[in-house]
């Protein structure tokens, strides 16, 4: 039981770091399509975007990943059911932390990064990806 908890926590933290890397790549591509110039895209990619991910998204993503991984370790065996548990846990924890708790800590202003992150549809998709990735890592670790 303890081994599964540690494997779940490790899978959740690893999936959180992978999700942050994917969010960075998606952010760079989004900036590139929006601006359509190389120099402003590069400037935003090495200055503003990493700082926003570091200060706004890093801690909630690590917490969601850890909670999702521990939930997977508690309730999932080595069956395909692990993906369902990971997806549900990821969406629930992600929506609660990103859409409810984060706006209480950092007040979102219209058009800023926090208002984008706290949208329930985007937060749910991000957390679903995190939960499914944590489930995959959990099965891979076993």
C-alpha atoms as a PDB file:
ATOM      1  CA  UNK A   1       0.000   0.000   0.000  1.00  0.00           C
ATOM      2  CA  UNK A   2       2.772   2.458   0.907  1.00  0.00           C
ATOM      3  CA  UNK A   3       4.662   1.565  -2.244  1.00  0.00           C
ATOM      4  CA  UNK A   4       1.621   2.373  -4.363  1.00  0.00           C
ATOM      5  CA  UNK A   5       1.207   5.715  -2.584  1.00  0.00           C
ATOM      6  CA  UNK A   6       4.810   6.669  -3.296  1.00  0.00           C
ATOM      7  CA  UNK A   7       4.532   5.493  -6.896  1.00  0.00           C
ATOM      8  CA  UNK A   8       1.324   7.500  -7.278  1.00  0.00           C
ATOM      9  CA  UNK A   9       2.913  10.606  -5.787  1.00  0.00           C
ATOM     10  CA  UNK A  10       5.942  10.223  -8.069  1.00  0.00           C
ATOM     11  CA  UNK A  11       3.695   9.714 -11.094  1.00  0.00           C
ATOM     12  CA  UNK A  12       1.646  12.781 -10.174  1.00  0.00           C
ATOM     13  CA  UNK A  13       4.677  15.020  -9.704  1.00  0.00           C
ATOM     14  CA  UNK A  14       6.249  13.793 -12.937  1.00  0.00           C
ATOM     15  CA  UNK A  15       3.015  14.393 -14.828  1.00  0.00           C
ATOM     16  CA  UNK A  16       2.832  17.905 -13.341  1.00  0.00           C
ATOM     17  CA  UNK A  17       6.283  18.730 -14.683  1.00  0.00           C
ATOM     18  CA  UNK A  18       5.439  17.291 -18.099  1.00  0.00           C
ATOM     19  CA  UNK A  19       2.196  19.299 -18.146  1.00  0.00           C
ATOM     20  CA  UNK A  20       4.117  22.484 -17.387  1.00  0.00           C
ATOM     21  CA  UNK A  21       6.446  21.757 -20.302  1.00  0.00           C
ATOM     22  CA  UNK A  22       3.466  21.129 -22.591  1.00  0.00           C
ATOM     23  CA  UNK A  23       1.821  24.349 -21.352  1.00  0.00           C
ATOM     24  CA  UNK A  24       5.012  26.241 -22.197  1.00  0.00           C
ATOM     25  CA  UNK A  25       5.117  24.831 -25.736  1.00  0.00           C
ATOM     26  CA  UNK A  26       1.417  25.543 -26.267  1.00  0.00           C
ATOM     27  CA  UNK A  27       1.937  29.071 -24.948  1.00  0.00           C
ATOM     28  CA  UNK A  28       4.809  29.702 -27.352  1.00  0.00           C
ATOM     29  CA  UNK A  29       2.786  28.413 -30.304  1.00  0.00           C
ATOM     30  CA  UNK A  30      -0.203  30.526 -29.254  1.00  0.00           C
ATOM     31  CA  UNK A  31       1.952  33.642 -28.993  1.00  0.00           C
ATOM     32  CA  UNK A  32       3.516  32.898 -32.386  1.00  0.00           C
ATOM     33  CA  UNK A  33       0.115  32.552 -34.073  1.00  0.00           C
ATOM     34  CA  UNK A  34      -1.212  35.662 -32.360  1.00  0.00           C
ATOM     35  CA  UNK A  35       1.780  37.958 -33.011  1.00  0.00           C
ATOM     36  CA  UNK A  36       3.062  36.416 -36.279  1.00  0.00           C
ATOM     37  CA  UNK A  37       6.542  37.875 -35.772  1.00  0.00           C
ATOM     38  CA  UNK A  38       9.694  36.093 -34.683  1.00  0.00           C
ATOM     39  CA  UNK A  39      11.355  38.622 -32.383  1.00  0.00           C
ATOM     40  CA  UNK A  40       8.343  39.369 -30.136  1.00  0.00           C
ATOM     41  CA  UNK A  41       7.600  35.640 -29.952  1.00  0.00           C
ATOM     42  CA  UNK A  42      11.147  34.866 -28.853  1.00  0.00           C
ATOM     43  CA  UNK A  43      11.123  37.731 -26.373  1.00  0.00           C
ATOM     44  CA  UNK A  44       7.859  36.578 -24.794  1.00  0.00           C
ATOM     45  CA  UNK A  45       9.018  32.961 -24.840  1.00  0.00           C
ATOM     46  CA  UNK A  46      12.111  33.627 -22.762  1.00  0.00           C
ATOM     47  CA  UNK A  47      10.808  36.348 -20.430  1.00  0.00           C
ATOM     48  CA  UNK A  48       7.090  36.705 -19.763  1.00  0.00           C
ATOM     49  CA  UNK A  49       5.776  33.183 -20.368  1.00  0.00           C
ATOM     50  CA  UNK A  50       8.250  31.334 -18.112  1.00  0.00           C
ATOM     51  CA  UNK A  51       7.653  33.856 -15.327  1.00  0.00           C
ATOM     52  CA  UNK A  52       3.881  33.470 -15.593  1.00  0.00           C
ATOM     53  CA  UNK A  53       4.137  29.697 -15.538  1.00  0.00           C
ATOM     54  CA  UNK A  54       6.553  29.855 -12.615  1.00  0.00           C
ATOM     55  CA  UNK A  55       4.604  32.271 -10.425  1.00  0.00           C
ATOM     56  CA  UNK A  56       1.002  31.438 -11.310  1.00  0.00           C
ATOM     57  CA  UNK A  57       0.769  27.833 -12.492  1.00  0.00           C
ATOM     58  CA  UNK A  58       3.690  25.928 -10.926  1.00  0.00           C
ATOM     59  CA  UNK A  59       2.407  25.482  -7.377  1.00  0.00           C
ATOM     60  CA  UNK A  60      -1.228  24.641  -8.286  1.00  0.00           C
ATOM     61  CA  UNK A  61      -0.034  22.168 -10.925  1.00  0.00           C
ATOM     62  CA  UNK A  62       2.288  20.436  -8.465  1.00  0.00           C
ATOM     63  CA  UNK A  63      -0.505  20.226  -5.878  1.00  0.00           C
ATOM     64  CA  UNK A  64      -2.987  18.862  -8.431  1.00  0.00           C
ATOM     65  CA  UNK A  65      -0.411  16.343  -9.635  1.00  0.00           C
ATOM     66  CA  UNK A  66       0.436  15.220  -6.114  1.00  0.00           C
ATOM     67  CA  UNK A  67      -3.212  14.880  -5.056  1.00  0.00           C
ATOM     68  CA  UNK A  68      -4.097  13.055  -8.260  1.00  0.00           C
ATOM     69  CA  UNK A  69      -1.142  10.704  -7.930  1.00  0.00           C
ATOM     70  CA  UNK A  70      -1.912   9.882  -4.302  1.00  0.00           C
ATOM     71  CA  UNK A  71      -5.557   9.261  -5.223  1.00  0.00           C
ATOM     72  CA  UNK A  72      -4.456   6.919  -7.990  1.00  0.00           C
ATOM     73  CA  UNK A  73      -2.149   5.137  -5.569  1.00  0.00           C
ATOM     74  CA  UNK A  74      -4.939   4.716  -3.022  1.00  0.00           C
ATOM     75  CA  UNK A  75      -7.795   3.578  -5.223  1.00  0.00           C
ATOM     76  CA  UNK A  76      -6.337   2.063  -8.385  1.00  0.00           C
ATOM     77  CA  UNK A  77      -4.864  -1.345  -8.900  1.00  0.00           C
ATOM     78  CA  UNK A  78      -2.955  -2.405 -11.971  1.00  0.00           C
ATOM     79  CA  UNK A  79      -6.106  -2.451 -14.093  1.00  0.00           C
ATOM     80  CA  UNK A  80      -7.410  -0.216 -16.884  1.00  0.00           C
ATOM     81  CA  UNK A  81      -9.598   1.410 -14.220  1.00  0.00           C
ATOM     82  CA  UNK A  82      -6.556   3.466 -13.235  1.00  0.00           C
ATOM     83  CA  UNK A  83      -7.205   5.775 -16.209  1.00  0.00           C
ATOM     84  CA  UNK A  84     -10.771   6.500 -15.093  1.00  0.00           C
ATOM     85  CA  UNK A  85      -9.662   7.204 -11.529  1.00  0.00           C
ATOM     86  CA  UNK A  86      -6.816   9.424 -12.741  1.00  0.00           C
ATOM     87  CA  UNK A  87      -9.050  11.356 -15.111  1.00  0.00           C
ATOM     88  CA  UNK A  88     -11.780  11.964 -12.546  1.00  0.00           C
ATOM     89  CA  UNK A  89      -9.331  12.859  -9.770  1.00  0.00           C
ATOM     90  CA  UNK A  90      -7.392  15.176 -12.075  1.00  0.00           C
ATOM     91  CA  UNK A  91     -10.500  17.016 -13.242  1.00  0.00           C
ATOM     92  CA  UNK A  92     -11.937  17.374  -9.738  1.00  0.00           C
ATOM     93  CA  UNK A  93      -8.706  18.553  -8.108  1.00  0.00           C
ATOM     94  CA  UNK A  94      -7.813  20.729 -11.085  1.00  0.00           C
ATOM     95  CA  UNK A  95     -11.148  22.483 -11.221  1.00  0.00           C
ATOM     96  CA  UNK A  96     -11.165  23.095  -7.486  1.00  0.00           C
ATOM     97  CA  UNK A  97      -7.625  24.449  -7.346  1.00  0.00           C
ATOM     98  CA  UNK A  98      -7.443  26.339 -10.635  1.00  0.00           C
ATOM     99  CA  UNK A  99     -11.008  27.655 -10.870  1.00  0.00           C
ATOM    100  CA  UNK A 100     -11.899  28.175  -7.194  1.00  0.00           C
ATOM    101  CA  UNK A 101      -8.781  28.503  -5.019  1.00  0.00           C
ATOM    102  CA  UNK A 102      -6.436  30.303  -7.452  1.00  0.00           C
ATOM    103  CA  UNK A 103      -8.817  33.263  -8.043  1.00  0.00           C
ATOM    104  CA  UNK A 104      -9.027  33.717  -4.269  1.00  0.00           C
ATOM    105  CA  UNK A 105      -5.242  34.032  -4.055  1.00  0.00           C
ATOM    106  CA  UNK A 106      -4.578  36.004  -7.258  1.00  0.00           C
ATOM    107  CA  UNK A 107      -7.477  38.183  -8.350  1.00  0.00           C
ATOM    108  CA  UNK A 108      -7.976  37.741 -12.104  1.00  0.00           C
ATOM    109  CA  UNK A 109      -8.215  40.906 -14.188  1.00  0.00           C
ATOM    110  CA  UNK A 110      -9.870  40.878 -17.624  1.00  0.00           C
ATOM    111  CA  UNK A 111      -7.386  39.794 -20.270  1.00  0.00           C
ATOM    112  CA  UNK A 112      -4.528  38.743 -17.984  1.00  0.00           C
ATOM    113  CA  UNK A 113      -2.943  35.310 -17.599  1.00  0.00           C
ATOM    114  CA  UNK A 114      -4.837  34.452 -14.423  1.00  0.00           C
ATOM    115  CA  UNK A 115      -8.209  35.037 -16.061  1.00  0.00           C
ATOM    116  CA  UNK A 116      -7.209  32.625 -18.830  1.00  0.00           C
ATOM    117  CA  UNK A 117      -5.969  29.923 -16.432  1.00  0.00           C
ATOM    118  CA  UNK A 118      -9.071  30.070 -14.226  1.00  0.00           C
ATOM    119  CA  UNK A 119     -11.571  29.402 -17.020  1.00  0.00           C
ATOM    120  CA  UNK A 120     -13.286  26.123 -16.104  1.00  0.00           C
ATOM    121  CA  UNK A 121     -13.073  24.611 -19.592  1.00  0.00           C
ATOM    122  CA  UNK A 122      -9.335  25.233 -19.927  1.00  0.00           C
ATOM    123  CA  UNK A 123      -8.637  24.252 -16.320  1.00  0.00           C
ATOM    124  CA  UNK A 124     -10.646  21.047 -16.761  1.00  0.00           C
ATOM    125  CA  UNK A 125      -8.847  20.070 -19.976  1.00  0.00           C
ATOM    126  CA  UNK A 126      -5.457  20.816 -18.429  1.00  0.00           C
ATOM    127  CA  UNK A 127      -6.293  18.762 -15.336  1.00  0.00           C
ATOM    128  CA  UNK A 128      -7.741  15.925 -17.435  1.00  0.00           C
ATOM    129  CA  UNK A 129      -4.486  15.720 -19.379  1.00  0.00           C
ATOM    130  CA  UNK A 130      -2.546  15.781 -16.100  1.00  0.00           C
ATOM    131  CA  UNK A 131      -4.694  13.010 -14.595  1.00  0.00           C
ATOM    132  CA  UNK A 132      -4.428  10.751 -17.635  1.00  0.00           C
ATOM    133  CA  UNK A 133      -0.690  11.333 -17.824  1.00  0.00           C
ATOM    134  CA  UNK A 134      -0.321  10.533 -14.111  1.00  0.00           C
ATOM    135  CA  UNK A 135      -2.285   7.322 -14.679  1.00  0.00           C
ATOM    136  CA  UNK A 136      -0.009   6.357 -17.532  1.00  0.00           C
ATOM    137  CA  UNK A 137       3.109   7.020 -15.458  1.00  0.00           C
ATOM    138  CA  UNK A 138       1.615   5.045 -12.552  1.00  0.00           C
ATOM    139  CA  UNK A 139       1.023   2.016 -14.778  1.00  0.00           C
ATOM    140  CA  UNK A 140       4.481   2.439 -16.260  1.00  0.00           C
ATOM    141  CA  UNK A 141       6.114   2.547 -12.796  1.00  0.00           C
ATOM    142  CA  UNK A 142       4.440  -0.679 -11.654  1.00  0.00           C
END
